[in-house]
Amino acid sequence: MIEKLTVIFFIVLCLLLGFYLILSPWDTLFGNWSENYLLVLVSEGAGLPVLQKTVASNWFRGAVTGLGVLNLLIAFWEIAHFKQSVALLREHDHKPSK
């Protein structure tokens, strides 16, 4: 039962993280992407204003969106191979430790 819950929680985590990474760079629902308080604090504290400009660029946003798509692909792969993942976890759990 624990193995099934582990795989289910991993799938949910990948789905939520994937949707967040796809939406957050482009939508203002989560706040302005380029004016994140922590980002401004780090870039000003380190004396690197180019860091804030880099994070605000479209290619960086696209890279973050790509990571979100990768997370969704991992979640869908885990859904398609649910029984195999559970079996691997059970097999690993029942092996004696050396």
PDB file of N, CA and C in Angstrom:
ATOM      1  N   MET A   1       0.824  -1.193   0.000  1.00  0.00           N
ATOM      2  CA  MET A   1       0.000   0.000   0.000  1.00  0.00           C
ATOM      3  C   MET A   1       0.868   1.257   0.000  1.00  0.00           C
ATOM      4  N   ILE A   2       1.956   1.224   0.770  1.00  0.00           N
ATOM      5  CA  ILE A   2       2.856   2.367   0.842  1.00  0.00           C
ATOM      6  C   ILE A   2       3.454   2.666  -0.527  1.00  0.00           C
ATOM      7  N   GLU A   3       3.784   1.610  -1.267  1.00  0.00           N
ATOM      8  CA  GLU A   3       4.388   1.786  -2.583  1.00  0.00           C
ATOM      9  C   GLU A   3       3.434   2.502  -3.539  1.00  0.00           C
ATOM     10  N   LYS A   4       2.156   2.121  -3.490  1.00  0.00           N
ATOM     11  CA  LYS A   4       1.163   2.767  -4.345  1.00  0.00           C
ATOM     12  C   LYS A   4       1.017   4.243  -3.986  1.00  0.00           C
ATOM     13  N   LEU A   5       0.957   4.532  -2.699  1.00  0.00           N
ATOM     14  CA  LEU A   5       0.836   5.927  -2.268  1.00  0.00           C
ATOM     15  C   LEU A   5       2.063   6.745  -2.662  1.00  0.00           C
ATOM     16  N   THR A   6       3.228   6.136  -2.578  1.00  0.00           N
ATOM     17  CA  THR A   6       4.452   6.830  -2.968  1.00  0.00           C
ATOM     18  C   THR A   6       4.402   7.222  -4.438  1.00  0.00           C
ATOM     19  N   VAL A   7       4.002   6.294  -5.287  1.00  0.00           N
ATOM     20  CA  VAL A   7       3.922   6.578  -6.718  1.00  0.00           C
ATOM     21  C   VAL A   7       2.839   7.608  -6.997  1.00  0.00           C
ATOM     22  N   ILE A   8       1.705   7.513  -6.319  1.00  0.00           N
ATOM     23  CA  ILE A   8       0.623   8.482  -6.516  1.00  0.00           C
ATOM     24  C   ILE A   8       1.069   9.880  -6.099  1.00  0.00           C
ATOM     25  N   PHE A   9       1.731   9.996  -4.951  1.00  0.00           N
ATOM     26  CA  PHE A   9       2.208  11.310  -4.507  1.00  0.00           C
ATOM     27  C   PHE A   9       3.257  11.867  -5.466  1.00  0.00           C
ATOM     28  N   PHE A  10       4.105  11.014  -6.004  1.00  0.00           N
ATOM     29  CA  PHE A  10       5.103  11.464  -6.976  1.00  0.00           C
ATOM     30  C   PHE A  10       4.428  11.983  -8.239  1.00  0.00           C
ATOM     31  N   ILE A  11       3.387  11.289  -8.692  1.00  0.00           N
ATOM     32  CA  ILE A  11       2.643  11.720  -9.877  1.00  0.00           C
ATOM     33  C   ILE A  11       1.989  13.074  -9.620  1.00  0.00           C
ATOM     34  N   VAL A  12       1.352  13.227  -8.473  1.00  0.00           N
ATOM     35  CA  VAL A  12       0.692  14.491  -8.135  1.00  0.00           C
ATOM     36  C   VAL A  12       1.722  15.623  -8.044  1.00  0.00           C
ATOM     37  N   LEU A  13       2.860  15.339  -7.431  1.00  0.00           N
ATOM     38  CA  LEU A  13       3.921  16.340  -7.336  1.00  0.00           C
ATOM     39  C   LEU A  13       4.399  16.767  -8.717  1.00  0.00           C
ATOM     40  N   CYS A  14       4.633  15.821  -9.604  1.00  0.00           N
ATOM     41  CA  CYS A  14       5.086  16.156 -10.958  1.00  0.00           C
ATOM     42  C   CYS A  14       4.032  16.952 -11.721  1.00  0.00           C
ATOM     43  N   LEU A  15       2.768  16.591 -11.565  1.00  0.00           N
ATOM     44  CA  LEU A  15       1.699  17.329 -12.249  1.00  0.00           C
ATOM     45  C   LEU A  15       1.609  18.767 -11.741  1.00  0.00           C
ATOM     46  N   LEU A  16       1.590  18.945 -10.417  1.00  0.00           N
ATOM     47  CA  LEU A  16       1.469  20.294  -9.863  1.00  0.00           C
ATOM     48  C   LEU A  16       2.681  21.159 -10.202  1.00  0.00           C
ATOM     49  N   LEU A  17       3.864  20.588 -10.049  1.00  0.00           N
ATOM     50  CA  LEU A  17       5.079  21.330 -10.369  1.00  0.00           C
ATOM     51  C   LEU A  17       5.136  21.659 -11.858  1.00  0.00           C
ATOM     52  N   GLY A  18       4.733  20.726 -12.694  1.00  0.00           N
ATOM     53  CA  GLY A  18       4.719  20.960 -14.138  1.00  0.00           C
ATOM     54  C   GLY A  18       3.794  22.100 -14.522  1.00  0.00           C
ATOM     55  N   PHE A  19       2.575  22.088 -13.997  1.00  0.00           N
ATOM     56  CA  PHE A  19       1.634  23.172 -14.312  1.00  0.00           C
ATOM     57  C   PHE A  19       2.131  24.509 -13.784  1.00  0.00           C
ATOM     58  N   TYR A  20       2.724  24.492 -12.598  1.00  0.00           N
ATOM     59  CA  TYR A  20       3.248  25.735 -12.034  1.00  0.00           C
ATOM     60  C   TYR A  20       4.391  26.288 -12.890  1.00  0.00           C
ATOM     61  N   LEU A  21       5.316  25.423 -13.290  1.00  0.00           N
ATOM     62  CA  LEU A  21       6.448  25.893 -14.082  1.00  0.00           C
ATOM     63  C   LEU A  21       6.038  26.337 -15.481  1.00  0.00           C
ATOM     64  N   ILE A  22       4.972  25.789 -15.999  1.00  0.00           N
ATOM     65  CA  ILE A  22       4.489  26.225 -17.313  1.00  0.00           C
ATOM     66  C   ILE A  22       3.798  27.580 -17.204  1.00  0.00           C
ATOM     67  N   LEU A  23       3.002  27.772 -16.166  1.00  0.00           N
ATOM     68  CA  LEU A  23       2.192  28.995 -16.067  1.00  0.00           C
ATOM     69  C   LEU A  23       2.896  30.181 -15.413  1.00  0.00           C
ATOM     70  N   SER A  24       3.716  29.928 -14.418  1.00  0.00           N
ATOM     71  CA  SER A  24       4.250  31.043 -13.620  1.00  0.00           C
ATOM     72  C   SER A  24       5.111  32.041 -14.384  1.00  0.00           C
ATOM     73  N   PRO A  25       5.934  31.648 -15.366  1.00  0.00           N
ATOM     74  CA  PRO A  25       6.726  32.678 -16.043  1.00  0.00           C
ATOM     75  C   PRO A  25       5.901  33.617 -16.925  1.00  0.00           C
ATOM     76  N   TRP A  26       4.720  33.188 -17.335  1.00  0.00           N
ATOM     77  CA  TRP A  26       3.959  33.955 -18.309  1.00  0.00           C
ATOM     78  C   TRP A  26       2.728  34.631 -17.714  1.00  0.00           C
ATOM     79  N   ASP A  27       2.243  34.188 -16.596  1.00  0.00           N
ATOM     80  CA  ASP A  27       1.000  34.703 -16.026  1.00  0.00           C
ATOM     81  C   ASP A  27       1.309  35.560 -14.806  1.00  0.00           C
ATOM     82  N   THR A  28       0.523  36.599 -14.590  1.00  0.00           N
ATOM     83  CA  THR A  28       0.718  37.464 -13.426  1.00  0.00           C
ATOM     84  C   THR A  28      -0.063  36.969 -12.218  1.00  0.00           C
ATOM     85  N   LEU A  29      -0.708  35.811 -12.338  1.00  0.00           N
ATOM     86  CA  LEU A  29      -1.454  35.239 -11.223  1.00  0.00           C
ATOM     87  C   LEU A  29      -0.550  35.001 -10.014  1.00  0.00           C
ATOM     88  N   PHE A  30       0.694  34.600 -10.277  1.00  0.00           N
ATOM     89  CA  PHE A  30       1.645  34.308  -9.212  1.00  0.00           C
ATOM     90  C   PHE A  30       2.535  35.500  -8.899  1.00  0.00           C
ATOM     91  N   GLY A  31       2.258  36.641  -9.469  1.00  0.00           N
ATOM     92  CA  GLY A  31       3.089  37.830  -9.286  1.00  0.00           C
ATOM     93  C   GLY A  31       3.928  38.076 -10.529  1.00  0.00           C
ATOM     94  N   ASN A  32       4.501  39.252 -10.613  1.00  0.00           N
ATOM     95  CA  ASN A  32       5.319  39.597 -11.760  1.00  0.00           C
ATOM     96  C   ASN A  32       6.616  38.792 -11.718  1.00  0.00           C
ATOM     97  N   TRP A  33       6.881  38.045 -12.765  1.00  0.00           N
ATOM     98  CA  TRP A  33       8.016  37.131 -12.821  1.00  0.00           C
ATOM     99  C   TRP A  33       9.348  37.861 -12.634  1.00  0.00           C
ATOM    100  N   SER A  34       9.516  39.004 -13.276  1.00  0.00           N
ATOM    101  CA  SER A  34      10.812  39.686 -13.256  1.00  0.00           C
ATOM    102  C   SER A  34      11.015  40.552 -12.019  1.00  0.00           C
ATOM    103  N   GLU A  35       9.978  40.749 -11.227  1.00  0.00           N
ATOM    104  CA  GLU A  35      10.104  41.581 -10.038  1.00  0.00           C
ATOM    105  C   GLU A  35       9.855  40.779  -8.762  1.00  0.00           C
ATOM    106  N   ASN A  36      10.331  39.577  -8.757  1.00  0.00           N
ATOM    107  CA  ASN A  36      10.265  38.720  -7.591  1.00  0.00           C
ATOM    108  C   ASN A  36      11.130  39.341  -6.493  1.00  0.00           C
ATOM    109  N   TYR A  37      10.616  39.419  -5.289  1.00  0.00           N
ATOM    110  CA  TYR A  37      11.339  40.078  -4.193  1.00  0.00           C
ATOM    111  C   TYR A  37      12.704  39.436  -3.938  1.00  0.00           C
ATOM    112  N   LEU A  38      12.730  38.116  -3.897  1.00  0.00           N
ATOM    113  CA  LEU A  38      13.992  37.423  -3.641  1.00  0.00           C
ATOM    114  C   LEU A  38      14.991  37.654  -4.781  1.00  0.00           C
ATOM    115  N   LEU A  39      14.503  37.651  -6.009  1.00  0.00           N
ATOM    116  CA  LEU A  39      15.376  37.895  -7.158  1.00  0.00           C
ATOM    117  C   LEU A  39      15.960  39.296  -7.114  1.00  0.00           C
ATOM    118  N   VAL A  40      15.133  40.287  -6.812  1.00  0.00           N
ATOM    119  CA  VAL A  40      15.612  41.665  -6.715  1.00  0.00           C
ATOM    120  C   VAL A  40      16.624  41.787  -5.581  1.00  0.00           C
ATOM    121  N   LEU A  41      16.349  41.174  -4.452  1.00  0.00           N
ATOM    122  CA  LEU A  41      17.250  41.227  -3.304  1.00  0.00           C
ATOM    123  C   LEU A  41      18.614  40.606  -3.636  1.00  0.00           C
ATOM    124  N   VAL A  42      18.604  39.454  -4.281  1.00  0.00           N
ATOM    125  CA  VAL A  42      19.858  38.784  -4.620  1.00  0.00           C
ATOM    126  C   VAL A  42      20.627  39.560  -5.685  1.00  0.00           C
ATOM    127  N   SER A  43      19.936  40.025  -6.723  1.00  0.00           N
ATOM    128  CA  SER A  43      20.636  40.716  -7.803  1.00  0.00           C
ATOM    129  C   SER A  43      21.212  42.056  -7.340  1.00  0.00           C
ATOM    130  N   GLU A  44      20.506  42.765  -6.489  1.00  0.00           N
ATOM    131  CA  GLU A  44      21.040  44.020  -5.967  1.00  0.00           C
ATOM    132  C   GLU A  44      22.120  43.767  -4.925  1.00  0.00           C
ATOM    133  N   GLY A  45      21.941  42.766  -4.086  1.00  0.00           N
ATOM    134  CA  GLY A  45      22.926  42.457  -3.055  1.00  0.00           C
ATOM    135  C   GLY A  45      24.237  41.974  -3.639  1.00  0.00           C
ATOM    136  N   ALA A  46      24.159  41.218  -4.731  1.00  0.00           N
ATOM    137  CA  ALA A  46      25.373  40.699  -5.363  1.00  0.00           C
ATOM    138  C   ALA A  46      25.966  41.696  -6.351  1.00  0.00           C
ATOM    139  N   GLY A  47      25.241  42.776  -6.618  1.00  0.00           N
ATOM    140  CA  GLY A  47      25.726  43.755  -7.587  1.00  0.00           C
ATOM    141  C   GLY A  47      25.652  43.240  -9.013  1.00  0.00           C
ATOM    142  N   LEU A  48      24.676  42.370  -9.282  1.00  0.00           N
ATOM    143  CA  LEU A  48      24.506  41.792 -10.618  1.00  0.00           C
ATOM    144  C   LEU A  48      23.121  42.114 -11.175  1.00  0.00           C
ATOM    145  N   PRO A  49      22.910  43.334 -11.666  1.00  0.00           N
ATOM    146  CA  PRO A  49      21.597  43.658 -12.228  1.00  0.00           C
ATOM    147  C   PRO A  49      21.293  42.851 -13.491  1.00  0.00           C
ATOM    148  N   VAL A  50      22.335  42.300 -14.112  1.00  0.00           N
ATOM    149  CA  VAL A  50      22.117  41.492 -15.309  1.00  0.00           C
ATOM    150  C   VAL A  50      21.374  40.191 -14.969  1.00  0.00           C
ATOM    151  N   LEU A  51      21.467  39.748 -13.728  1.00  0.00           N
ATOM    152  CA  LEU A  51      20.763  38.543 -13.300  1.00  0.00           C
ATOM    153  C   LEU A  51      19.251  38.731 -13.419  1.00  0.00           C
ATOM    154  N   GLN A  52      18.762  39.871 -12.987  1.00  0.00           N
ATOM    155  CA  GLN A  52      17.325  40.150 -13.075  1.00  0.00           C
ATOM    156  C   GLN A  52      16.889  40.248 -14.536  1.00  0.00           C
ATOM    157  N   LYS A  53      17.717  40.858 -15.378  1.00  0.00           N
ATOM    158  CA  LYS A  53      17.373  40.959 -16.806  1.00  0.00           C
ATOM    159  C   LYS A  53      17.383  39.583 -17.470  1.00  0.00           C
ATOM    160  N   THR A  54      18.307  38.733 -17.062  1.00  0.00           N
ATOM    161  CA  THR A  54      18.382  37.389 -17.631  1.00  0.00           C
ATOM    162  C   THR A  54      17.142  36.581 -17.271  1.00  0.00           C
ATOM    163  N   VAL A  55      16.745  36.629 -16.016  1.00  0.00           N
ATOM    164  CA  VAL A  55      15.569  35.872 -15.573  1.00  0.00           C
ATOM    165  C   VAL A  55      14.296  36.401 -16.237  1.00  0.00           C
ATOM    166  N   ALA A  56      14.264  37.688 -16.533  1.00  0.00           N
ATOM    167  CA  ALA A  56      13.085  38.288 -17.163  1.00  0.00           C
ATOM    168  C   ALA A  56      13.033  38.043 -18.668  1.00  0.00           C
ATOM    169  N   SER A  57      14.117  37.533 -19.258  1.00  0.00           N
ATOM    170  CA  SER A  57      14.143  37.350 -20.714  1.00  0.00           C
ATOM    171  C   SER A  57      13.235  36.205 -21.143  1.00  0.00           C
ATOM    172  N   ASN A  58      12.809  36.269 -22.382  1.00  0.00           N
ATOM    173  CA  ASN A  58      11.891  35.251 -22.901  1.00  0.00           C
ATOM    174  C   ASN A  58      12.545  33.878 -23.032  1.00  0.00           C
ATOM    175  N   TRP A  59      13.838  33.823 -23.331  1.00  0.00           N
ATOM    176  CA  TRP A  59      14.474  32.516 -23.471  1.00  0.00           C
ATOM    177  C   TRP A  59      14.562  31.802 -22.121  1.00  0.00           C
ATOM    178  N   PHE A  60      14.770  32.548 -21.044  1.00  0.00           N
ATOM    179  CA  PHE A  60      14.808  31.944 -19.712  1.00  0.00           C
ATOM    180  C   PHE A  60      13.415  31.461 -19.318  1.00  0.00           C
ATOM    181  N   ARG A  61      12.409  32.281 -19.618  1.00  0.00           N
ATOM    182  CA  ARG A  61      11.030  31.859 -19.351  1.00  0.00           C
ATOM    183  C   ARG A  61      10.686  30.592 -20.126  1.00  0.00           C
ATOM    184  N   GLY A  62      11.149  30.528 -21.373  1.00  0.00           N
ATOM    185  CA  GLY A  62      10.923  29.335 -22.183  1.00  0.00           C
ATOM    186  C   GLY A  62      11.603  28.104 -21.608  1.00  0.00           C
ATOM    187  N   ALA A  63      12.809  28.296 -21.058  1.00  0.00           N
ATOM    188  CA  ALA A  63      13.519  27.175 -20.434  1.00  0.00           C
ATOM    189  C   ALA A  63      12.758  26.666 -19.214  1.00  0.00           C
ATOM    190  N   VAL A  64      12.221  27.576 -18.411  1.00  0.00           N
ATOM    191  CA  VAL A  64      11.437  27.178 -17.238  1.00  0.00           C
ATOM    192  C   VAL A  64      10.164  26.463 -17.679  1.00  0.00           C
ATOM    193  N   THR A  65       9.540  26.950 -18.741  1.00  0.00           N
ATOM    194  CA  THR A  65       8.354  26.290 -19.279  1.00  0.00           C
ATOM    195  C   THR A  65       8.707  24.891 -19.784  1.00  0.00           C
ATOM    196  N   GLY A  66       9.886  24.753 -20.404  1.00  0.00           N
ATOM    197  CA  GLY A  66      10.343  23.445 -20.857  1.00  0.00           C
ATOM    198  C   GLY A  66      10.510  22.465 -19.700  1.00  0.00           C
ATOM    199  N   LEU A  67      11.005  22.954 -18.565  1.00  0.00           N
ATOM    200  CA  LEU A  67      11.102  22.092 -17.381  1.00  0.00           C
ATOM    201  C   LEU A  67       9.714  21.664 -16.904  1.00  0.00           C
ATOM    202  N   GLY A  68       8.742  22.566 -17.026  1.00  0.00           N
ATOM    203  CA  GLY A  68       7.372  22.210 -16.665  1.00  0.00           C
ATOM    204  C   GLY A  68       6.806  21.130 -17.570  1.00  0.00           C
ATOM    205  N   VAL A  69       7.080  21.251 -18.867  1.00  0.00           N
ATOM    206  CA  VAL A  69       6.631  20.222 -19.814  1.00  0.00           C
ATOM    207  C   VAL A  69       7.303  18.886 -19.499  1.00  0.00           C
ATOM    208  N   LEU A  70       8.588  18.925 -19.161  1.00  0.00           N
ATOM    209  CA  LEU A  70       9.304  17.703 -18.785  1.00  0.00           C
ATOM    210  C   LEU A  70       8.671  17.047 -17.552  1.00  0.00           C
ATOM    211  N   ASN A  71       8.275  17.856 -16.573  1.00  0.00           N
ATOM    212  CA  ASN A  71       7.608  17.313 -15.387  1.00  0.00           C
ATOM    213  C   ASN A  71       6.281  16.660 -15.750  1.00  0.00           C
ATOM    214  N   LEU A  72       5.524  17.276 -16.661  1.00  0.00           N
ATOM    215  CA  LEU A  72       4.263  16.667 -17.083  1.00  0.00           C
ATOM    216  C   LEU A  72       4.503  15.359 -17.821  1.00  0.00           C
ATOM    217  N   LEU A  73       5.540  15.313 -18.650  1.00  0.00           N
ATOM    218  CA  LEU A  73       5.863  14.068 -19.352  1.00  0.00           C
ATOM    219  C   LEU A  73       6.240  12.964 -18.375  1.00  0.00           C
ATOM    220  N   ILE A  74       7.001  13.305 -17.350  1.00  0.00           N
ATOM    221  CA  ILE A  74       7.360  12.325 -16.325  1.00  0.00           C
ATOM    222  C   ILE A  74       6.111  11.823 -15.609  1.00  0.00           C
ATOM    223  N   ALA A  75       5.184  12.734 -15.287  1.00  0.00           N
ATOM    224  CA  ALA A  75       3.948  12.335 -14.607  1.00  0.00           C
ATOM    225  C   ALA A  75       3.123  11.392 -15.479  1.00  0.00           C
ATOM    226  N   PHE A  76       2.984  11.717 -16.762  1.00  0.00           N
ATOM    227  CA  PHE A  76       2.203  10.855 -17.655  1.00  0.00           C
ATOM    228  C   PHE A  76       2.890   9.507 -17.870  1.00  0.00           C
ATOM    229  N   TRP A  77       4.224   9.496 -17.905  1.00  0.00           N
ATOM    230  CA  TRP A  77       4.948   8.240 -18.029  1.00  0.00           C
ATOM    231  C   TRP A  77       4.704   7.377 -16.790  1.00  0.00           C
ATOM    232  N   GLU A  78       4.739   8.002 -15.618  1.00  0.00           N
ATOM    233  CA  GLU A  78       4.498   7.259 -14.374  1.00  0.00           C
ATOM    234  C   GLU A  78       3.068   6.733 -14.311  1.00  0.00           C
ATOM    235  N   ILE A  79       2.125   7.491 -14.834  1.00  0.00           N
ATOM    236  CA  ILE A  79       0.734   7.019 -14.871  1.00  0.00           C
ATOM    237  C   ILE A  79       0.633   5.797 -15.776  1.00  0.00           C
ATOM    238  N   ALA A  80       1.293   5.853 -16.940  1.00  0.00           N
ATOM    239  CA  ALA A  80       1.230   4.742 -17.891  1.00  0.00           C
ATOM    240  C   ALA A  80       1.947   3.501 -17.370  1.00  0.00           C
ATOM    241  N   HIS A  81       2.952   3.686 -16.528  1.00  0.00           N
ATOM    242  CA  HIS A  81       3.736   2.565 -16.004  1.00  0.00           C
ATOM    243  C   HIS A  81       3.555   2.416 -14.491  1.00  0.00           C
ATOM    244  N   PHE A  82       2.346   2.675 -14.027  1.00  0.00           N
ATOM    245  CA  PHE A  82       2.066   2.679 -12.594  1.00  0.00           C
ATOM    246  C   PHE A  82       2.394   1.331 -11.945  1.00  0.00           C
ATOM    247  N   LYS A  83       1.908   0.258 -12.533  1.00  0.00           N
ATOM    248  CA  LYS A  83       2.108  -1.080 -11.940  1.00  0.00           C
ATOM    249  C   LYS A  83       3.583  -1.447 -11.899  1.00  0.00           C
ATOM    250  N   GLN A  84       4.328  -1.086 -12.934  1.00  0.00           N
ATOM    251  CA  GLN A  84       5.759  -1.391 -12.956  1.00  0.00           C
ATOM    252  C   GLN A  84       6.497  -0.628 -11.863  1.00  0.00           C
ATOM    253  N   SER A  85       6.142   0.632 -11.674  1.00  0.00           N
ATOM    254  CA  SER A  85       6.797   1.444 -10.642  1.00  0.00           C
ATOM    255  C   SER A  85       6.514   0.896  -9.250  1.00  0.00           C
ATOM    256  N   VAL A  86       5.273   0.497  -9.020  1.00  0.00           N
ATOM    257  CA  VAL A  86       4.913  -0.078  -7.719  1.00  0.00           C
ATOM    258  C   VAL A  86       5.658  -1.388  -7.505  1.00  0.00           C
ATOM    259  N   ALA A  87       5.744  -2.208  -8.541  1.00  0.00           N
ATOM    260  CA  ALA A  87       6.451  -3.487  -8.427  1.00  0.00           C
ATOM    261  C   ALA A  87       7.933  -3.269  -8.136  1.00  0.00           C
ATOM    262  N   LEU A  88       8.548  -2.281  -8.771  1.00  0.00           N
ATOM    263  CA  LEU A  88       9.957  -1.992  -8.510  1.00  0.00           C
ATOM    264  C   LEU A  88      10.171  -1.533  -7.076  1.00  0.00           C
ATOM    265  N   LEU A  89       9.269  -0.704  -6.566  1.00  0.00           N
ATOM    266  CA  LEU A  89       9.386  -0.261  -5.179  1.00  0.00           C
ATOM    267  C   LEU A  89       9.200  -1.423  -4.206  1.00  0.00           C
ATOM    268  N   ARG A  90       8.268  -2.313  -4.493  1.00  0.00           N
ATOM    269  CA  ARG A  90       8.058  -3.477  -3.624  1.00  0.00           C
ATOM    270  C   ARG A  90       9.276  -4.388  -3.644  1.00  0.00           C
ATOM    271  N   GLU A  91       9.833  -4.599  -4.833  1.00  0.00           N
ATOM    272  CA  GLU A  91      11.008  -5.450  -4.963  1.00  0.00           C
ATOM    273  C   GLU A  91      12.187  -4.848  -4.200  1.00  0.00           C
ATOM    274  N   HIS A  92      12.366  -3.561  -4.312  1.00  0.00           N
ATOM    275  CA  HIS A  92      13.458  -2.887  -3.608  1.00  0.00           C
ATOM    276  C   HIS A  92      13.252  -2.949  -2.098  1.00  0.00           C
ATOM    277  N   ASP A  93      12.007  -2.863  -1.656  1.00  0.00           N
ATOM    278  CA  ASP A  93      11.698  -2.870  -0.218  1.00  0.00           C
ATOM    279  C   ASP A  93      11.923  -4.253   0.391  1.00  0.00           C
ATOM    280  N   HIS A  94      11.735  -5.304  -0.369  1.00  0.00           N
ATOM    281  CA  HIS A  94      11.846  -6.659   0.177  1.00  0.00           C
ATOM    282  C   HIS A  94      13.238  -7.252   0.060  1.00  0.00           C
ATOM    283  N   LYS A  95      14.171  -6.548  -0.565  1.00  0.00           N
ATOM    284  CA  LYS A  95      15.538  -7.053  -0.655  1.00  0.00           C
ATOM    285  C   LYS A  95      16.218  -6.914   0.707  1.00  0.00           C
ATOM    286  N   PRO A  96      16.951  -7.922   1.122  1.00  0.00           N
ATOM    287  CA  PRO A  96      17.659  -7.811   2.408  1.00  0.00           C
ATOM    288  C   PRO A  96      18.826  -6.825   2.296  1.00  0.00           C
ATOM    289  N   SER A  97      19.020  -6.063   3.340  1.00  0.00           N
ATOM    290  CA  SER A  97      20.124  -5.104   3.374  1.00  0.00           C
ATOM    291  C   SER A  97      21.417  -5.828   3.694  1.00  0.00           C
ATOM    292  N   LYS A  98      22.493  -5.340   3.087  1.00  0.00           N
ATOM    293  CA  LYS A  98      23.800  -5.981   3.329  1.00  0.00           C
ATOM    294  C   LYS A  98      24.546  -5.250   4.403  1.00  0.00           C
TER     295      LYS A  98
END
